[in-house]
Amino acid sequence: MGDVRKRVNDHYQYYSIIKDMAWFGDLESHLVKVQHNVTSGRKGYHGSFIPIMHEHLLIFIKRSIWQLGIKYTKTFIRDLRQLQQVTWRDLVRAAVEQHGGRASLKDLYETLDGAKKAVNNVHWLEQTRAVVQRYPEFERIQSGVYAVA
């Protein structure tokens, strides 16, 4: 089985066959094989594109006559603001991106107000400000206004 990229709107979405397929039985072995003589191997790519140059061979075993373990992937969509495990950096970056890649501290505070991570942190305003000042991916445009660099 090989992974694929399919065009979705204006970009290509990567689909991992292993992640998305149903598994019947117990995984006995997983082999990764380099693909040779593929069309994408003869092309030159620029930027951040990484060509798919491998295939997977999965070997399953059925351990019982009547019972078979079945595993499948279930996708959950969650708002980052409702997750406790998210980093402050990810929260703040998403908030800046929501405002078109440029936001004032006031905008960020309004966007992140009520976020689960903020509710559990009495210093969440200071934490938000520290993130845009600490990480080089944020650029100070003017006093109190930051952009994603």
C-alpha atoms as a PDB file:
ATOM      1  CA  MET A   1       0.000   0.000   0.000  1.00  0.00           C
ATOM      2  CA  GLY A   2       1.217   3.468  -0.731  1.00  0.00           C
ATOM      3  CA  ASP A   3       0.377   6.822   0.790  1.00  0.00           C
ATOM      4  CA  VAL A   4      -1.088   9.441  -1.550  1.00  0.00           C
ATOM      5  CA  ARG A   5      -1.552  13.169  -1.980  1.00  0.00           C
ATOM      6  CA  LYS A   6      -4.828  14.410  -3.414  1.00  0.00           C
ATOM      7  CA  ARG A   7      -5.695  17.915  -4.495  1.00  0.00           C
ATOM      8  CA  VAL A   8      -8.132  19.538  -2.054  1.00  0.00           C
ATOM      9  CA  ASN A   9      -9.165  23.061  -3.073  1.00  0.00           C
ATOM     10  CA  ASP A  10      -5.896  24.995  -3.504  1.00  0.00           C
ATOM     11  CA  HIS A  11      -3.464  22.558  -1.856  1.00  0.00           C
ATOM     12  CA  TYR A  12      -2.505  18.893  -1.774  1.00  0.00           C
ATOM     13  CA  GLN A  13      -3.634  16.841   1.226  1.00  0.00           C
ATOM     14  CA  TYR A  14      -1.482  13.907   2.376  1.00  0.00           C
ATOM     15  CA  TYR A  15      -3.383  10.690   3.114  1.00  0.00           C
ATOM     16  CA  SER A  16      -1.635   8.001   5.108  1.00  0.00           C
ATOM     17  CA  ILE A  17      -3.086   4.654   4.106  1.00  0.00           C
ATOM     18  CA  ILE A  18      -1.873   3.050   7.336  1.00  0.00           C
ATOM     19  CA  LYS A  19      -3.466   5.698   9.523  1.00  0.00           C
ATOM     20  CA  ASP A  20      -6.802   5.683   7.738  1.00  0.00           C
ATOM     21  CA  MET A  21      -7.346   2.008   6.956  1.00  0.00           C
ATOM     22  CA  ALA A  22      -9.241  -0.499   9.064  1.00  0.00           C
ATOM     23  CA  TRP A  23      -7.019  -3.196  10.573  1.00  0.00           C
ATOM     24  CA  PHE A  24      -8.457  -6.706  10.744  1.00  0.00           C
ATOM     25  CA  GLY A  25      -6.528  -8.909  13.168  1.00  0.00           C
ATOM     26  CA  ASP A  26      -3.306  -8.189  15.013  1.00  0.00           C
ATOM     27  CA  LEU A  27      -0.380  -6.551  13.261  1.00  0.00           C
ATOM     28  CA  GLU A  28       2.300  -9.198  12.880  1.00  0.00           C
ATOM     29  CA  SER A  29       4.805  -7.137  10.881  1.00  0.00           C
ATOM     30  CA  HIS A  30       5.147  -3.759   9.201  1.00  0.00           C
ATOM     31  CA  LEU A  31       7.662  -3.407   6.377  1.00  0.00           C
ATOM     32  CA  VAL A  32       8.518  -0.132   4.657  1.00  0.00           C
ATOM     33  CA  LYS A  33       9.773  -0.486   1.098  1.00  0.00           C
ATOM     34  CA  VAL A  34      11.394   2.153  -1.091  1.00  0.00           C
ATOM     35  CA  GLN A  35       9.519   2.689  -4.340  1.00  0.00           C
ATOM     36  CA  HIS A  36      11.739   2.510  -7.413  1.00  0.00           C
ATOM     37  CA  ASN A  37      11.049   3.877 -10.909  1.00  0.00           C
ATOM     38  CA  VAL A  38       8.100   6.045  -9.872  1.00  0.00           C
ATOM     39  CA  THR A  39       7.001   9.132 -11.791  1.00  0.00           C
ATOM     40  CA  SER A  40       7.583  11.454  -8.832  1.00  0.00           C
ATOM     41  CA  GLY A  41      11.155  10.173  -8.538  1.00  0.00           C
ATOM     42  CA  ARG A  42      12.051  11.671 -11.941  1.00  0.00           C
ATOM     43  CA  LYS A  43      10.748  15.160 -11.105  1.00  0.00           C
ATOM     44  CA  GLY A  44      12.577  18.012  -9.448  1.00  0.00           C
ATOM     45  CA  TYR A  45      10.716  19.674  -6.584  1.00  0.00           C
ATOM     46  CA  HIS A  46      11.184  23.094  -5.037  1.00  0.00           C
ATOM     47  CA  GLY A  47      10.077  24.464  -1.701  1.00  0.00           C
ATOM     48  CA  SER A  48       8.795  22.307   1.140  1.00  0.00           C
ATOM     49  CA  PHE A  49       7.277  19.520  -0.994  1.00  0.00           C
ATOM     50  CA  ILE A  50       8.507  16.035  -0.042  1.00  0.00           C
ATOM     51  CA  PRO A  51       7.803  13.321  -2.625  1.00  0.00           C
ATOM     52  CA  ILE A  52       6.348  10.011  -1.475  1.00  0.00           C
ATOM     53  CA  MET A  53       9.042   7.422  -2.141  1.00  0.00           C
ATOM     54  CA  HIS A  54       7.868   4.460  -0.050  1.00  0.00           C
ATOM     55  CA  GLU A  55       5.219   1.776   0.284  1.00  0.00           C
ATOM     56  CA  HIS A  56       3.975  -0.211   3.263  1.00  0.00           C
ATOM     57  CA  LEU A  57       3.546  -3.950   3.595  1.00  0.00           C
ATOM     58  CA  LEU A  58       1.385  -4.859   6.583  1.00  0.00           C
ATOM     59  CA  ILE A  59       1.056  -8.450   7.681  1.00  0.00           C
ATOM     60  CA  PHE A  60      -1.853  -9.284   9.982  1.00  0.00           C
ATOM     61  CA  ILE A  61      -2.559 -12.452  11.922  1.00  0.00           C
ATOM     62  CA  LYS A  62      -5.906 -13.828  13.039  1.00  0.00           C
ATOM     63  CA  ARG A  63      -5.328 -15.394  16.482  1.00  0.00           C
ATOM     64  CA  SER A  64      -8.737 -16.925  17.043  1.00  0.00           C
ATOM     65  CA  ILE A  65     -11.196 -18.897  14.929  1.00  0.00           C
ATOM     66  CA  TRP A  66     -14.244 -16.719  15.611  1.00  0.00           C
ATOM     67  CA  GLN A  67     -12.925 -13.510  17.132  1.00  0.00           C
ATOM     68  CA  LEU A  68     -11.163 -10.866  15.120  1.00  0.00           C
ATOM     69  CA  GLY A  69      -9.803  -7.588  16.444  1.00  0.00           C
ATOM     70  CA  ILE A  70     -10.788  -4.643  14.268  1.00  0.00           C
ATOM     71  CA  LYS A  71      -9.122  -1.242  14.600  1.00  0.00           C
ATOM     72  CA  TYR A  72     -10.023   1.904  12.702  1.00  0.00           C
ATOM     73  CA  THR A  73      -9.192   5.581  12.821  1.00  0.00           C
ATOM     74  CA  LYS A  74     -11.753   8.057  14.051  1.00  0.00           C
ATOM     75  CA  THR A  75     -11.150  11.733  13.432  1.00  0.00           C
ATOM     76  CA  PHE A  76     -12.227  14.309  16.000  1.00  0.00           C
ATOM     77  CA  ILE A  77     -12.400  18.014  15.240  1.00  0.00           C
ATOM     78  CA  ARG A  78     -11.581  20.187  18.251  1.00  0.00           C
ATOM     79  CA  ASP A  79     -11.165  23.918  18.711  1.00  0.00           C
ATOM     80  CA  LEU A  80      -7.628  24.547  20.026  1.00  0.00           C
ATOM     81  CA  ARG A  81      -9.069  26.934  22.596  1.00  0.00           C
ATOM     82  CA  GLN A  82     -10.911  24.046  24.249  1.00  0.00           C
ATOM     83  CA  LEU A  83      -7.785  21.896  24.705  1.00  0.00           C
ATOM     84  CA  GLN A  84      -5.666  21.940  27.855  1.00  0.00           C
ATOM     85  CA  GLN A  85      -2.731  20.129  26.189  1.00  0.00           C
ATOM     86  CA  VAL A  86      -2.153  22.784  23.504  1.00  0.00           C
ATOM     87  CA  THR A  87       0.901  25.037  23.883  1.00  0.00           C
ATOM     88  CA  TRP A  88       0.593  28.763  24.448  1.00  0.00           C
ATOM     89  CA  ARG A  89       2.669  29.263  21.313  1.00  0.00           C
ATOM     90  CA  ASP A  90       0.139  27.313  19.204  1.00  0.00           C
ATOM     91  CA  LEU A  91      -2.799  29.163  20.755  1.00  0.00           C
ATOM     92  CA  VAL A  92      -1.298  32.592  20.164  1.00  0.00           C
ATOM     93  CA  ARG A  93      -0.221  31.744  16.605  1.00  0.00           C
ATOM     94  CA  ALA A  94      -3.756  30.559  15.763  1.00  0.00           C
ATOM     95  CA  ALA A  95      -5.190  33.760  17.269  1.00  0.00           C
ATOM     96  CA  VAL A  96      -2.858  35.941  15.179  1.00  0.00           C
ATOM     97  CA  GLU A  97      -3.696  33.932  12.051  1.00  0.00           C
ATOM     98  CA  GLN A  98      -7.423  34.346  12.761  1.00  0.00           C
ATOM     99  CA  HIS A  99      -6.874  38.098  12.531  1.00  0.00           C
ATOM    100  CA  GLY A 100      -5.241  37.841   9.105  1.00  0.00           C
ATOM    101  CA  GLY A 101      -1.685  37.313  10.345  1.00  0.00           C
ATOM    102  CA  ARG A 102      -1.548  40.605  12.266  1.00  0.00           C
ATOM    103  CA  ALA A 103      -3.167  41.342  15.630  1.00  0.00           C
ATOM    104  CA  SER A 104      -3.026  43.718  18.540  1.00  0.00           C
ATOM    105  CA  LEU A 105      -2.655  42.416  22.076  1.00  0.00           C
ATOM    106  CA  LYS A 106      -6.265  43.512  22.646  1.00  0.00           C
ATOM    107  CA  ASP A 107      -7.365  41.321  19.699  1.00  0.00           C
ATOM    108  CA  LEU A 108      -5.389  38.386  21.080  1.00  0.00           C
ATOM    109  CA  TYR A 109      -6.829  38.826  24.560  1.00  0.00           C
ATOM    110  CA  GLU A 110     -10.401  38.895  23.170  1.00  0.00           C
ATOM    111  CA  THR A 111      -9.772  35.832  20.990  1.00  0.00           C
ATOM    112  CA  LEU A 112      -8.195  33.781  23.779  1.00  0.00           C
ATOM    113  CA  ASP A 113     -10.559  34.882  26.558  1.00  0.00           C
ATOM    114  CA  GLY A 114     -12.337  31.757  27.779  1.00  0.00           C
ATOM    115  CA  ALA A 115      -9.802  29.323  26.303  1.00  0.00           C
ATOM    116  CA  LYS A 116      -9.421  26.324  28.589  1.00  0.00           C
ATOM    117  CA  LYS A 117      -5.719  27.036  29.107  1.00  0.00           C
ATOM    118  CA  ALA A 118      -6.518  30.676  29.969  1.00  0.00           C
ATOM    119  CA  VAL A 119      -9.285  29.767  32.416  1.00  0.00           C
ATOM    120  CA  ASN A 120      -6.788  27.708  34.415  1.00  0.00           C
ATOM    121  CA  ASN A 121      -4.067  30.400  34.421  1.00  0.00           C
ATOM    122  CA  VAL A 122      -4.540  33.678  36.315  1.00  0.00           C
ATOM    123  CA  HIS A 123      -1.603  35.154  34.374  1.00  0.00           C
ATOM    124  CA  TRP A 124      -2.858  34.239  30.902  1.00  0.00           C
ATOM    125  CA  LEU A 125      -2.695  37.846  29.638  1.00  0.00           C
ATOM    126  CA  GLU A 126       0.975  38.036  30.622  1.00  0.00           C
ATOM    127  CA  GLN A 127       1.585  34.597  29.099  1.00  0.00           C
ATOM    128  CA  THR A 128       0.043  35.705  25.786  1.00  0.00           C
ATOM    129  CA  ARG A 129       2.224  38.829  25.725  1.00  0.00           C
ATOM    130  CA  ALA A 130       5.340  36.812  26.622  1.00  0.00           C
ATOM    131  CA  VAL A 131       4.757  34.431  23.698  1.00  0.00           C
ATOM    132  CA  VAL A 132       4.692  37.179  21.035  1.00  0.00           C
ATOM    133  CA  GLN A 133       7.771  38.788  22.588  1.00  0.00           C
ATOM    134  CA  ARG A 134       9.755  35.558  23.079  1.00  0.00           C
ATOM    135  CA  TYR A 135       9.370  33.602  19.842  1.00  0.00           C
ATOM    136  CA  PRO A 136      11.039  34.769  16.607  1.00  0.00           C
ATOM    137  CA  GLU A 137       8.038  33.633  14.531  1.00  0.00           C
ATOM    138  CA  PHE A 138       6.232  36.754  15.819  1.00  0.00           C
ATOM    139  CA  GLU A 139       7.291  40.177  14.585  1.00  0.00           C
ATOM    140  CA  ARG A 140       6.504  43.406  16.421  1.00  0.00           C
ATOM    141  CA  ILE A 141       4.869  45.768  13.913  1.00  0.00           C
ATOM    142  CA  GLN A 142       4.261  48.626  16.343  1.00  0.00           C
ATOM    143  CA  SER A 143       3.640  48.988  20.046  1.00  0.00           C
ATOM    144  CA  GLY A 144       1.194  46.249  21.037  1.00  0.00           C
ATOM    145  CA  VAL A 145       0.738  44.898  17.485  1.00  0.00           C
ATOM    146  CA  TYR A 146       2.313  41.655  16.268  1.00  0.00           C
ATOM    147  CA  ALA A 147       2.382  39.644  13.057  1.00  0.00           C
ATOM    148  CA  VAL A 148       3.419  36.170  12.089  1.00  0.00           C
ATOM    149  CA  ALA A 149       6.908  36.651  10.634  1.00  0.00           C
END
